[in-house]
Amino acid sequence: MTEPKASATPPPPPGEPSDSELVLRAQQGDATAFAQLVSRHQRQLYRLALRMTQSEADAQEILQETFLNAYQKLPNFRGEAQFSSWLYRIAANSALMRLRRKRRAPDALPTEPLELTGPKFNNEGYFEEAPHSDWSQRADEKLMSGELGKAIDAAVKTLPDDYRTVFLLKDVDGLSNEEIADALELSVPAVKSRLHRARLALREQLGEFFS
């Protein structure tokens, strides 16, 4: 799969402050700077939460939780990761915890990805045997209206939470493997492994469209 041509969060227009500048000002008590950060990132975070939960009400609550948590934790943000990745981490964790509470499952993330049936993977997260179809096209280019779009949407909903999160961040939001690793506090090989497994599960369900 080719890397996306543009970052999920493009740089600010000329003349507007960067995230780093706004974060520094917000840490110094500038409420307007934090409001600018909210305005800049809320759309992407809402879309992620909505796709993960399939609920507008849950997505709105996750968005509010994300920015509330970000505001409370902002004094401790040291810039080890990009601010956008830090926000994705908070939003994704909030969505995962909400989904698991609804299912009355443990809130803690598993230490290892869930196993799916199909081809095996090596230690670096690559297929040890080639898949039967090509997922080189961006998923958002295939999320079209009609039967295919509905089938993809339904298939994505069936993915385990860990895999669906990585798939959405990579193939829909367009984050790089490194950005996803930062956002979810995973290694890059773990991201690759979960992404491959997500695509495999989708391929198995959508074979009639990609045969």
N, C-alpha and C. Protein backbone atom coordinates (compact mmCIF):
# COMPACT_ATOMS: atom_id res chain seq x y z
N MET A 1 0.85 -1.18 0.00
CA MET A 1 0.00 0.00 0.00
C MET A 1 0.88 1.23 0.00
N THR A 2 0.58 2.16 -0.86
CA THR A 2 1.39 3.36 -0.95
C THR A 2 1.02 4.31 0.17
N GLU A 3 2.01 5.11 0.59
CA GLU A 3 1.77 6.09 1.63
C GLU A 3 0.90 7.21 1.08
N PRO A 4 0.02 7.80 1.90
CA PRO A 4 -0.79 8.90 1.43
C PRO A 4 0.08 10.09 1.06
N LYS A 5 -0.39 10.88 0.12
CA LYS A 5 0.38 12.01 -0.36
C LYS A 5 0.37 13.18 0.60
N ALA A 6 -0.64 13.23 1.45
CA ALA A 6 -0.75 14.34 2.38
C ALA A 6 -1.03 13.82 3.77
N SER A 7 -0.57 14.58 4.77
CA SER A 7 -0.84 14.20 6.15
C SER A 7 -2.30 14.37 6.46
N ALA A 8 -2.78 13.59 7.45
CA ALA A 8 -4.18 13.71 7.85
C ALA A 8 -4.48 15.10 8.38
N THR A 9 -3.52 15.73 9.02
CA THR A 9 -3.67 17.10 9.50
C THR A 9 -2.66 17.97 8.79
N PRO A 10 -3.06 18.64 7.70
CA PRO A 10 -2.11 19.44 6.92
C PRO A 10 -1.58 20.62 7.71
N PRO A 11 -0.46 21.16 7.30
CA PRO A 11 0.09 22.32 7.99
C PRO A 11 -0.86 23.50 7.89
N PRO A 12 -0.80 24.41 8.87
CA PRO A 12 -1.71 25.57 8.84
C PRO A 12 -1.41 26.46 7.64
N PRO A 13 -2.41 27.20 7.17
CA PRO A 13 -2.19 28.14 6.06
C PRO A 13 -1.13 29.16 6.43
N PRO A 14 -0.48 29.73 5.41
CA PRO A 14 0.54 30.76 5.69
C PRO A 14 -0.02 31.88 6.55
N GLY A 15 0.76 32.25 7.53
CA GLY A 15 0.34 33.33 8.41
C GLY A 15 -0.35 32.86 9.67
N GLU A 16 -0.80 31.60 9.71
CA GLU A 16 -1.43 31.08 10.92
C GLU A 16 -0.41 30.34 11.77
N PRO A 17 -0.55 30.40 13.09
CA PRO A 17 0.43 29.74 13.97
C PRO A 17 0.37 28.23 13.83
N SER A 18 1.50 27.57 14.06
CA SER A 18 1.56 26.12 14.05
C SER A 18 0.92 25.56 15.31
N ASP A 19 0.69 24.25 15.31
CA ASP A 19 0.19 23.61 16.52
C ASP A 19 1.13 23.85 17.70
N SER A 20 2.42 23.74 17.44
CA SER A 20 3.40 23.91 18.53
C SER A 20 3.29 25.29 19.15
N GLU A 21 3.13 26.30 18.30
CA GLU A 21 3.00 27.66 18.82
C GLU A 21 1.72 27.82 19.63
N LEU A 22 0.63 27.26 19.13
CA LEU A 22 -0.64 27.36 19.84
C LEU A 22 -0.60 26.60 21.16
N VAL A 23 0.04 25.44 21.16
CA VAL A 23 0.16 24.66 22.39
C VAL A 23 0.94 25.45 23.44
N LEU A 24 2.04 26.05 23.04
CA LEU A 24 2.85 26.83 23.98
C LEU A 24 2.03 27.98 24.56
N ARG A 25 1.29 28.66 23.71
CA ARG A 25 0.46 29.77 24.19
C ARG A 25 -0.64 29.27 25.12
N ALA A 26 -1.24 28.13 24.76
CA ALA A 26 -2.30 27.57 25.60
C ALA A 26 -1.75 27.14 26.96
N GLN A 27 -0.55 26.59 26.96
CA GLN A 27 0.08 26.20 28.22
C GLN A 27 0.37 27.40 29.11
N GLN A 28 0.47 28.57 28.50
CA GLN A 28 0.71 29.80 29.25
C GLN A 28 -0.58 30.50 29.65
N GLY A 29 -1.72 29.83 29.38
CA GLY A 29 -3.00 30.36 29.83
C GLY A 29 -3.83 31.06 28.78
N ASP A 30 -3.42 30.97 27.51
CA ASP A 30 -4.15 31.63 26.42
C ASP A 30 -5.31 30.74 25.99
N ALA A 31 -6.53 31.05 26.44
CA ALA A 31 -7.70 30.25 26.10
C ALA A 31 -8.03 30.32 24.62
N THR A 32 -7.75 31.46 24.00
CA THR A 32 -8.01 31.60 22.56
C THR A 32 -7.16 30.64 21.75
N ALA A 33 -5.93 30.43 22.18
CA ALA A 33 -5.04 29.51 21.47
C ALA A 33 -5.59 28.09 21.54
N PHE A 34 -6.08 27.70 22.70
CA PHE A 34 -6.65 26.35 22.82
C PHE A 34 -7.90 26.23 21.96
N ALA A 35 -8.70 27.29 21.91
CA ALA A 35 -9.90 27.27 21.07
C ALA A 35 -9.52 27.08 19.60
N GLN A 36 -8.40 27.67 19.18
CA GLN A 36 -7.93 27.49 17.81
C GLN A 36 -7.53 26.03 17.56
N LEU A 37 -6.90 25.41 18.54
CA LEU A 37 -6.54 24.00 18.41
C LEU A 37 -7.79 23.13 18.28
N VAL A 38 -8.80 23.44 19.09
CA VAL A 38 -10.06 22.70 19.00
C VAL A 38 -10.66 22.84 17.61
N SER A 39 -10.73 24.08 17.12
CA SER A 39 -11.31 24.32 15.81
C SER A 39 -10.54 23.61 14.71
N ARG A 40 -9.23 23.54 14.84
CA ARG A 40 -8.38 22.94 13.81
C ARG A 40 -8.53 21.43 13.74
N HIS A 41 -8.76 20.77 14.88
CA HIS A 41 -8.71 19.31 14.92
C HIS A 41 -10.04 18.62 15.18
N GLN A 42 -11.08 19.36 15.51
CA GLN A 42 -12.31 18.72 15.94
C GLN A 42 -12.97 17.90 14.83
N ARG A 43 -12.88 18.35 13.60
CA ARG A 43 -13.56 17.62 12.52
C ARG A 43 -12.98 16.22 12.34
N GLN A 44 -11.63 16.13 12.30
CA GLN A 44 -11.00 14.81 12.11
C GLN A 44 -11.30 13.89 13.28
N LEU A 45 -11.27 14.43 14.50
CA LEU A 45 -11.51 13.61 15.68
C LEU A 45 -12.96 13.15 15.74
N TYR A 46 -13.88 14.01 15.36
CA TYR A 46 -15.29 13.62 15.35
C TYR A 46 -15.53 12.51 14.33
N ARG A 47 -14.93 12.66 13.16
CA ARG A 47 -15.09 11.63 12.12
C ARG A 47 -14.55 10.28 12.61
N LEU A 48 -13.40 10.30 13.27
CA LEU A 48 -12.84 9.06 13.80
C LEU A 48 -13.79 8.44 14.83
N ALA A 49 -14.26 9.25 15.77
CA ALA A 49 -15.15 8.74 16.82
C ALA A 49 -16.45 8.21 16.22
N LEU A 50 -16.97 8.88 15.22
CA LEU A 50 -18.22 8.45 14.61
C LEU A 50 -18.04 7.12 13.88
N ARG A 51 -16.93 6.98 13.17
CA ARG A 51 -16.69 5.73 12.46
C ARG A 51 -16.44 4.57 13.43
N MET A 52 -15.83 4.87 14.56
CA MET A 52 -15.55 3.81 15.52
C MET A 52 -16.80 3.37 16.27
N THR A 53 -17.69 4.30 16.60
CA THR A 53 -18.85 3.98 17.44
C THR A 53 -20.14 3.84 16.66
N GLN A 54 -20.19 4.41 15.44
CA GLN A 54 -21.42 4.42 14.64
C GLN A 54 -22.57 5.09 15.39
N SER A 55 -22.23 6.07 16.22
CA SER A 55 -23.25 6.78 17.00
C SER A 55 -22.87 8.25 17.07
N GLU A 56 -23.77 9.11 16.59
CA GLU A 56 -23.50 10.54 16.65
C GLU A 56 -23.43 11.03 18.10
N ALA A 57 -24.29 10.49 18.94
CA ALA A 57 -24.28 10.90 20.35
C ALA A 57 -22.96 10.51 21.02
N ASP A 58 -22.52 9.27 20.78
CA ASP A 58 -21.26 8.82 21.35
C ASP A 58 -20.09 9.64 20.80
N ALA A 59 -20.13 9.91 19.50
CA ALA A 59 -19.04 10.67 18.88
C ALA A 59 -18.94 12.07 19.48
N GLN A 60 -20.09 12.71 19.72
CA GLN A 60 -20.08 14.03 20.34
C GLN A 60 -19.50 13.97 21.75
N GLU A 61 -19.88 12.95 22.51
CA GLU A 61 -19.36 12.83 23.88
C GLU A 61 -17.87 12.53 23.87
N ILE A 62 -17.43 11.69 22.94
CA ILE A 62 -16.00 11.37 22.83
C ILE A 62 -15.22 12.63 22.46
N LEU A 63 -15.76 13.43 21.56
CA LEU A 63 -15.08 14.67 21.17
C LEU A 63 -14.93 15.59 22.38
N GLN A 64 -16.00 15.73 23.16
CA GLN A 64 -15.93 16.58 24.34
C GLN A 64 -14.94 16.02 25.36
N GLU A 65 -14.99 14.69 25.56
CA GLU A 65 -14.05 14.06 26.50
C GLU A 65 -12.61 14.27 26.04
N THR A 66 -12.39 14.16 24.74
CA THR A 66 -11.03 14.28 24.21
C THR A 66 -10.46 15.66 24.51
N PHE A 67 -11.22 16.70 24.20
CA PHE A 67 -10.68 18.04 24.41
C PHE A 67 -10.65 18.43 25.89
N LEU A 68 -11.56 17.89 26.68
CA LEU A 68 -11.49 18.13 28.12
C LEU A 68 -10.24 17.48 28.70
N ASN A 69 -9.98 16.23 28.30
CA ASN A 69 -8.78 15.54 28.78
C ASN A 69 -7.52 16.23 28.28
N ALA A 70 -7.56 16.65 27.02
CA ALA A 70 -6.40 17.34 26.46
C ALA A 70 -6.12 18.64 27.22
N TYR A 71 -7.17 19.38 27.54
CA TYR A 71 -6.99 20.63 28.27
C TYR A 71 -6.42 20.37 29.66
N GLN A 72 -6.92 19.33 30.32
CA GLN A 72 -6.44 19.02 31.67
C GLN A 72 -5.00 18.53 31.67
N LYS A 73 -4.62 17.80 30.60
CA LYS A 73 -3.28 17.23 30.53
C LYS A 73 -2.29 18.11 29.78
N LEU A 74 -2.76 19.23 29.25
CA LEU A 74 -1.90 20.07 28.42
C LEU A 74 -0.63 20.53 29.13
N PRO A 75 -0.66 20.86 30.42
CA PRO A 75 0.60 21.27 31.07
C PRO A 75 1.67 20.19 31.03
N ASN A 76 1.28 18.92 30.91
CA ASN A 76 2.24 17.82 30.88
C ASN A 76 2.67 17.43 29.47
N PHE A 77 2.09 18.07 28.46
CA PHE A 77 2.46 17.75 27.07
C PHE A 77 3.84 18.34 26.78
N ARG A 78 4.76 17.47 26.39
CA ARG A 78 6.14 17.91 26.19
C ARG A 78 6.58 17.83 24.72
N GLY A 79 5.66 17.46 23.85
CA GLY A 79 5.98 17.47 22.43
C GLY A 79 6.79 16.28 21.95
N GLU A 80 6.80 15.17 22.71
CA GLU A 80 7.52 13.99 22.23
C GLU A 80 6.87 13.45 20.95
N ALA A 81 5.55 13.60 20.83
CA ALA A 81 4.82 13.26 19.62
C ALA A 81 4.15 14.53 19.09
N GLN A 82 3.69 14.47 17.85
CA GLN A 82 2.95 15.60 17.32
C GLN A 82 1.67 15.80 18.13
N PHE A 83 1.25 17.04 18.24
CA PHE A 83 0.03 17.33 19.01
C PHE A 83 -1.16 16.60 18.42
N SER A 84 -1.25 16.54 17.09
CA SER A 84 -2.37 15.85 16.46
C SER A 84 -2.37 14.36 16.81
N SER A 85 -1.19 13.73 16.85
CA SER A 85 -1.10 12.33 17.24
C SER A 85 -1.52 12.14 18.69
N TRP A 86 -1.14 13.07 19.53
CA TRP A 86 -1.52 13.02 20.94
C TRP A 86 -3.03 13.08 21.08
N LEU A 87 -3.69 13.95 20.29
CA LEU A 87 -5.14 14.04 20.33
C LEU A 87 -5.78 12.75 19.82
N TYR A 88 -5.24 12.19 18.73
CA TYR A 88 -5.77 10.94 18.20
C TYR A 88 -5.69 9.85 19.27
N ARG A 89 -4.60 9.83 20.02
CA ARG A 89 -4.44 8.82 21.07
C ARG A 89 -5.55 8.95 22.11
N ILE A 90 -5.82 10.17 22.55
CA ILE A 90 -6.85 10.39 23.55
C ILE A 90 -8.22 10.01 23.00
N ALA A 91 -8.51 10.42 21.76
CA ALA A 91 -9.82 10.14 21.17
C ALA A 91 -10.02 8.65 20.94
N ALA A 92 -9.00 7.99 20.39
CA ALA A 92 -9.11 6.55 20.11
C ALA A 92 -9.29 5.77 21.41
N ASN A 93 -8.54 6.11 22.43
CA ASN A 93 -8.67 5.41 23.71
C ASN A 93 -10.05 5.65 24.33
N SER A 94 -10.55 6.88 24.21
CA SER A 94 -11.88 7.18 24.73
C SER A 94 -12.95 6.38 24.01
N ALA A 95 -12.82 6.27 22.68
CA ALA A 95 -13.80 5.50 21.90
C ALA A 95 -13.72 4.01 22.24
N LEU A 96 -12.50 3.49 22.35
CA LEU A 96 -12.35 2.08 22.67
C LEU A 96 -12.94 1.75 24.05
N MET A 97 -12.67 2.60 25.02
CA MET A 97 -13.20 2.37 26.36
C MET A 97 -14.72 2.43 26.37
N ARG A 98 -15.29 3.35 25.59
CA ARG A 98 -16.74 3.45 25.52
C ARG A 98 -17.34 2.20 24.90
N LEU A 99 -16.74 1.72 23.81
CA LEU A 99 -17.23 0.51 23.15
C LEU A 99 -17.15 -0.69 24.10
N ARG A 100 -16.07 -0.79 24.84
CA ARG A 100 -15.89 -1.93 25.72
C ARG A 100 -16.81 -1.86 26.92
N ARG A 101 -17.07 -0.66 27.40
CA ARG A 101 -18.04 -0.55 28.49
C ARG A 101 -19.42 -1.00 28.02
N LYS A 102 -19.76 -0.63 26.80
CA LYS A 102 -21.06 -1.03 26.27
C LYS A 102 -21.16 -2.55 26.16
N ARG A 103 -20.05 -3.17 25.87
CA ARG A 103 -20.05 -4.63 25.73
C ARG A 103 -19.75 -5.33 27.05
N ARG A 104 -19.59 -4.54 28.11
CA ARG A 104 -19.27 -5.08 29.43
C ARG A 104 -17.99 -5.92 29.38
N ALA A 105 -17.04 -5.47 28.58
CA ALA A 105 -15.74 -6.13 28.48
C ALA A 105 -14.74 -5.29 29.26
N PRO A 106 -13.56 -5.87 29.60
CA PRO A 106 -12.53 -5.10 30.31
C PRO A 106 -12.13 -3.85 29.53
N ASP A 107 -11.87 -2.76 30.25
CA ASP A 107 -11.46 -1.52 29.60
C ASP A 107 -10.03 -1.58 29.08
N ALA A 108 -9.20 -2.41 29.70
CA ALA A 108 -7.77 -2.39 29.34
C ALA A 108 -7.57 -2.91 27.93
N LEU A 109 -6.66 -2.26 27.19
CA LEU A 109 -6.31 -2.73 25.86
C LEU A 109 -5.51 -4.02 25.97
N PRO A 110 -5.73 -4.98 25.06
CA PRO A 110 -4.94 -6.20 25.08
C PRO A 110 -3.50 -5.92 24.72
N THR A 111 -2.60 -6.70 25.28
CA THR A 111 -1.18 -6.50 25.00
C THR A 111 -0.79 -7.03 23.64
N GLU A 112 -1.58 -7.98 23.11
CA GLU A 112 -1.29 -8.55 21.80
C GLU A 112 -2.52 -8.42 20.93
N PRO A 113 -2.36 -8.24 19.61
CA PRO A 113 -3.52 -8.16 18.73
C PRO A 113 -4.33 -9.45 18.78
N LEU A 114 -5.64 -9.32 18.58
CA LEU A 114 -6.48 -10.50 18.49
C LEU A 114 -6.11 -11.30 17.25
N GLU A 115 -6.29 -12.60 17.32
CA GLU A 115 -5.94 -13.47 16.20
C GLU A 115 -7.13 -13.63 15.27
N LEU A 116 -6.86 -13.54 13.97
CA LEU A 116 -7.86 -13.82 12.96
C LEU A 116 -7.40 -15.02 12.16
N THR A 117 -8.37 -15.76 11.61
CA THR A 117 -8.00 -16.88 10.77
C THR A 117 -7.47 -16.37 9.44
N GLY A 118 -6.57 -17.14 8.82
CA GLY A 118 -6.04 -16.74 7.53
C GLY A 118 -4.54 -16.88 7.49
N PRO A 119 -3.90 -16.26 6.50
CA PRO A 119 -2.45 -16.35 6.37
C PRO A 119 -1.72 -15.91 7.63
N LYS A 120 -0.55 -16.48 7.86
CA LYS A 120 0.26 -16.13 9.02
C LYS A 120 1.12 -14.92 8.72
N PHE A 121 1.65 -14.32 9.79
CA PHE A 121 2.46 -13.12 9.66
C PHE A 121 3.80 -13.35 10.34
N ASN A 122 4.84 -12.71 9.78
CA ASN A 122 6.15 -12.84 10.41
C ASN A 122 6.27 -11.82 11.54
N ASN A 123 7.45 -11.77 12.17
CA ASN A 123 7.64 -10.91 13.34
C ASN A 123 7.57 -9.44 13.00
N GLU A 124 7.73 -9.08 11.72
CA GLU A 124 7.67 -7.69 11.31
C GLU A 124 6.28 -7.29 10.84
N GLY A 125 5.34 -8.21 10.92
CA GLY A 125 3.97 -7.88 10.58
C GLY A 125 3.61 -8.03 9.13
N TYR A 126 4.44 -8.71 8.33
CA TYR A 126 4.14 -8.89 6.92
C TYR A 126 3.58 -10.28 6.67
N PHE A 127 2.79 -10.39 5.60
CA PHE A 127 2.27 -11.69 5.20
C PHE A 127 3.41 -12.66 4.90
N GLU A 128 3.28 -13.89 5.37
CA GLU A 128 4.21 -14.95 4.97
C GLU A 128 3.74 -15.63 3.70
N GLU A 129 2.51 -15.34 3.30
CA GLU A 129 2.03 -15.75 1.99
C GLU A 129 1.22 -14.59 1.43
N ALA A 130 1.23 -14.44 0.14
CA ALA A 130 0.63 -13.26 -0.47
C ALA A 130 -0.89 -13.32 -0.35
N PRO A 131 -1.53 -12.18 -0.12
CA PRO A 131 -2.99 -12.15 -0.13
C PRO A 131 -3.51 -12.34 -1.55
N HIS A 132 -4.79 -12.64 -1.65
CA HIS A 132 -5.37 -12.94 -2.94
C HIS A 132 -5.88 -11.70 -3.67
N SER A 133 -5.84 -10.56 -3.05
CA SER A 133 -6.34 -9.36 -3.72
C SER A 133 -5.47 -8.18 -3.34
N ASP A 134 -5.59 -7.13 -4.14
CA ASP A 134 -4.73 -5.95 -3.98
C ASP A 134 -5.48 -4.87 -3.23
N TRP A 135 -4.95 -4.50 -2.05
CA TRP A 135 -5.53 -3.41 -1.28
C TRP A 135 -4.68 -2.15 -1.43
N SER A 136 -4.05 -1.96 -2.57
CA SER A 136 -3.16 -0.83 -2.75
C SER A 136 -3.93 0.48 -2.92
N GLN A 137 -5.20 0.39 -3.30
CA GLN A 137 -5.99 1.60 -3.44
C GLN A 137 -6.41 2.11 -2.08
N ARG A 138 -6.44 3.43 -1.93
CA ARG A 138 -6.87 4.02 -0.68
C ARG A 138 -8.30 3.62 -0.37
N ALA A 139 -8.58 3.29 0.89
CA ALA A 139 -9.92 2.86 1.26
C ALA A 139 -10.94 3.98 1.05
N ASP A 140 -10.54 5.23 1.29
CA ASP A 140 -11.51 6.30 1.14
C ASP A 140 -11.89 6.51 -0.31
N GLU A 141 -11.07 6.03 -1.28
CA GLU A 141 -11.43 6.09 -2.68
C GLU A 141 -12.47 5.03 -3.01
N LYS A 142 -12.58 3.99 -2.16
CA LYS A 142 -13.55 2.94 -2.38
C LYS A 142 -14.82 3.13 -1.56
N LEU A 143 -14.78 4.08 -0.63
CA LEU A 143 -15.97 4.32 0.18
C LEU A 143 -16.96 5.14 -0.63
N MET A 144 -17.46 4.57 -1.69
CA MET A 144 -18.39 5.23 -2.59
C MET A 144 -19.81 4.85 -2.20
N SER A 145 -20.76 5.59 -2.78
CA SER A 145 -22.15 5.26 -2.52
C SER A 145 -22.52 3.99 -3.25
N GLY A 146 -23.61 3.36 -2.81
CA GLY A 146 -24.07 2.16 -3.47
C GLY A 146 -23.69 0.90 -2.74
N GLU A 147 -23.81 -0.21 -3.42
CA GLU A 147 -23.66 -1.52 -2.81
C GLU A 147 -22.26 -1.73 -2.24
N LEU A 148 -21.22 -1.33 -2.97
CA LEU A 148 -19.86 -1.52 -2.49
C LEU A 148 -19.60 -0.72 -1.22
N GLY A 149 -20.01 0.54 -1.22
CA GLY A 149 -19.80 1.37 -0.04
C GLY A 149 -20.49 0.80 1.18
N LYS A 150 -21.71 0.30 1.00
CA LYS A 150 -22.44 -0.29 2.11
C LYS A 150 -21.75 -1.56 2.60
N ALA A 151 -21.24 -2.34 1.65
CA ALA A 151 -20.57 -3.59 2.03
C ALA A 151 -19.29 -3.30 2.81
N ILE A 152 -18.51 -2.31 2.37
CA ILE A 152 -17.29 -1.95 3.07
C ILE A 152 -17.61 -1.44 4.47
N ASP A 153 -18.62 -0.58 4.55
CA ASP A 153 -19.00 -0.03 5.86
C ASP A 153 -19.40 -1.13 6.82
N ALA A 154 -20.20 -2.08 6.33
CA ALA A 154 -20.64 -3.19 7.18
C ALA A 154 -19.46 -4.06 7.59
N ALA A 155 -18.52 -4.29 6.67
CA ALA A 155 -17.36 -5.13 6.97
C ALA A 155 -16.46 -4.46 8.00
N VAL A 156 -16.26 -3.17 7.87
CA VAL A 156 -15.40 -2.44 8.81
C VAL A 156 -15.97 -2.53 10.22
N LYS A 157 -17.30 -2.49 10.34
CA LYS A 157 -17.94 -2.56 11.66
C LYS A 157 -17.64 -3.88 12.36
N THR A 158 -17.38 -4.94 11.58
CA THR A 158 -17.17 -6.26 12.19
C THR A 158 -15.74 -6.46 12.67
N LEU A 159 -14.82 -5.57 12.32
CA LEU A 159 -13.43 -5.74 12.73
C LEU A 159 -13.30 -5.62 14.24
N PRO A 160 -12.40 -6.38 14.85
CA PRO A 160 -12.09 -6.15 16.27
C PRO A 160 -11.66 -4.70 16.48
N ASP A 161 -11.94 -4.16 17.65
CA ASP A 161 -11.70 -2.75 17.91
C ASP A 161 -10.27 -2.33 17.56
N ASP A 162 -9.29 -3.14 17.97
CA ASP A 162 -7.89 -2.78 17.74
C ASP A 162 -7.59 -2.63 16.25
N TYR A 163 -8.13 -3.56 15.47
CA TYR A 163 -7.86 -3.54 14.03
C TYR A 163 -8.62 -2.42 13.34
N ARG A 164 -9.87 -2.21 13.76
CA ARG A 164 -10.67 -1.17 13.13
C ARG A 164 -10.03 0.21 13.37
N THR A 165 -9.51 0.43 14.56
CA THR A 165 -8.88 1.72 14.85
C THR A 165 -7.69 1.97 13.94
N VAL A 166 -6.81 0.98 13.81
CA VAL A 166 -5.64 1.15 12.95
C VAL A 166 -6.06 1.32 11.49
N PHE A 167 -7.03 0.52 11.04
CA PHE A 167 -7.50 0.62 9.66
C PHE A 167 -8.04 2.01 9.37
N LEU A 168 -8.87 2.55 10.26
CA LEU A 168 -9.46 3.86 10.04
C LEU A 168 -8.39 4.96 10.03
N LEU A 169 -7.45 4.87 10.95
CA LEU A 169 -6.41 5.89 11.01
C LEU A 169 -5.52 5.86 9.77
N LYS A 170 -5.26 4.67 9.26
CA LYS A 170 -4.36 4.53 8.12
C LYS A 170 -5.06 4.75 6.79
N ASP A 171 -6.11 3.96 6.52
CA ASP A 171 -6.68 3.91 5.19
C ASP A 171 -7.79 4.91 4.96
N VAL A 172 -8.29 5.52 6.02
CA VAL A 172 -9.33 6.54 5.85
C VAL A 172 -8.80 7.92 6.22
N ASP A 173 -8.18 8.03 7.41
CA ASP A 173 -7.65 9.33 7.81
C ASP A 173 -6.30 9.63 7.17
N GLY A 174 -5.59 8.61 6.69
CA GLY A 174 -4.35 8.84 5.97
C GLY A 174 -3.12 9.07 6.82
N LEU A 175 -3.13 8.64 8.09
CA LEU A 175 -1.94 8.77 8.91
C LEU A 175 -0.87 7.79 8.45
N SER A 176 0.37 8.14 8.67
CA SER A 176 1.46 7.22 8.39
C SER A 176 1.55 6.18 9.50
N ASN A 177 2.29 5.10 9.24
CA ASN A 177 2.48 4.07 10.27
C ASN A 177 3.11 4.67 11.52
N GLU A 178 4.04 5.59 11.32
CA GLU A 178 4.72 6.21 12.45
C GLU A 178 3.76 7.06 13.27
N GLU A 179 2.88 7.80 12.58
CA GLU A 179 1.91 8.63 13.30
C GLU A 179 0.92 7.76 14.08
N ILE A 180 0.51 6.64 13.49
CA ILE A 180 -0.40 5.74 14.19
C ILE A 180 0.29 5.14 15.40
N ALA A 181 1.54 4.75 15.23
CA ALA A 181 2.30 4.19 16.35
C ALA A 181 2.37 5.19 17.51
N ASP A 182 2.63 6.46 17.19
CA ASP A 182 2.66 7.50 18.22
C ASP A 182 1.29 7.66 18.87
N ALA A 183 0.24 7.67 18.04
CA ALA A 183 -1.10 7.93 18.55
C ALA A 183 -1.59 6.81 19.46
N LEU A 184 -1.26 5.56 19.12
CA LEU A 184 -1.78 4.42 19.87
C LEU A 184 -0.75 3.81 20.81
N GLU A 185 0.43 4.41 20.87
CA GLU A 185 1.52 3.92 21.72
C GLU A 185 1.85 2.47 21.40
N LEU A 186 2.03 2.21 20.11
CA LEU A 186 2.42 0.90 19.61
C LEU A 186 3.75 1.02 18.90
N SER A 187 4.37 -0.11 18.62
CA SER A 187 5.53 -0.11 17.74
C SER A 187 5.04 -0.08 16.30
N VAL A 188 5.89 0.39 15.38
CA VAL A 188 5.53 0.40 13.96
C VAL A 188 5.24 -1.02 13.46
N PRO A 189 6.04 -2.04 13.82
CA PRO A 189 5.69 -3.40 13.40
C PRO A 189 4.32 -3.85 13.89
N ALA A 190 3.93 -3.44 15.10
CA ALA A 190 2.61 -3.81 15.61
C ALA A 190 1.51 -3.14 14.79
N VAL A 191 1.74 -1.90 14.40
CA VAL A 191 0.78 -1.21 13.54
C VAL A 191 0.64 -1.95 12.22
N LYS A 192 1.77 -2.30 11.61
CA LYS A 192 1.74 -3.02 10.33
C LYS A 192 1.00 -4.34 10.47
N SER A 193 1.24 -5.05 11.56
CA SER A 193 0.59 -6.34 11.77
C SER A 193 -0.92 -6.19 11.88
N ARG A 194 -1.37 -5.22 12.68
CA ARG A 194 -2.80 -5.04 12.85
C ARG A 194 -3.44 -4.57 11.54
N LEU A 195 -2.73 -3.73 10.80
CA LEU A 195 -3.26 -3.24 9.54
C LEU A 195 -3.41 -4.37 8.53
N HIS A 196 -2.39 -5.22 8.44
CA HIS A 196 -2.46 -6.36 7.53
C HIS A 196 -3.63 -7.28 7.90
N ARG A 197 -3.80 -7.52 9.18
CA ARG A 197 -4.85 -8.42 9.61
C ARG A 197 -6.23 -7.81 9.36
N ALA A 198 -6.34 -6.50 9.55
CA ALA A 198 -7.61 -5.83 9.26
C ALA A 198 -7.95 -5.95 7.78
N ARG A 199 -6.95 -5.71 6.93
CA ARG A 199 -7.19 -5.79 5.50
C ARG A 199 -7.53 -7.22 5.08
N LEU A 200 -6.88 -8.18 5.71
CA LEU A 200 -7.18 -9.58 5.41
C LEU A 200 -8.62 -9.90 5.75
N ALA A 201 -9.07 -9.48 6.94
CA ALA A 201 -10.44 -9.76 7.35
C ALA A 201 -11.42 -9.10 6.40
N LEU A 202 -11.11 -7.88 5.96
CA LEU A 202 -12.00 -7.20 5.02
C LEU A 202 -11.99 -7.89 3.66
N ARG A 203 -10.81 -8.32 3.23
CA ARG A 203 -10.71 -9.02 1.94
C ARG A 203 -11.56 -10.28 1.95
N GLU A 204 -11.53 -11.01 3.07
CA GLU A 204 -12.28 -12.25 3.14
C GLU A 204 -13.78 -11.98 3.05
N GLN A 205 -14.22 -10.84 3.62
CA GLN A 205 -15.65 -10.52 3.58
C GLN A 205 -16.07 -9.87 2.27
N LEU A 206 -15.10 -9.26 1.56
CA LEU A 206 -15.44 -8.51 0.35
C LEU A 206 -14.85 -9.17 -0.90
N GLY A 207 -14.63 -10.47 -0.83
CA GLY A 207 -14.02 -11.16 -1.96
C GLY A 207 -14.78 -11.00 -3.25
N GLU A 208 -16.11 -10.90 -3.19
CA GLU A 208 -16.90 -10.78 -4.41
C GLU A 208 -16.63 -9.47 -5.14
N PHE A 209 -16.18 -8.43 -4.40
CA PHE A 209 -15.90 -7.15 -5.03
C PHE A 209 -14.46 -7.04 -5.49
N PHE A 210 -13.53 -7.79 -4.86
CA PHE A 210 -12.11 -7.62 -5.16
C PHE A 210 -11.48 -8.86 -5.74
N SER A 211 -12.30 -9.79 -6.24
CA SER A 211 -11.76 -10.99 -6.85
C SER A 211 -11.23 -10.68 -8.23
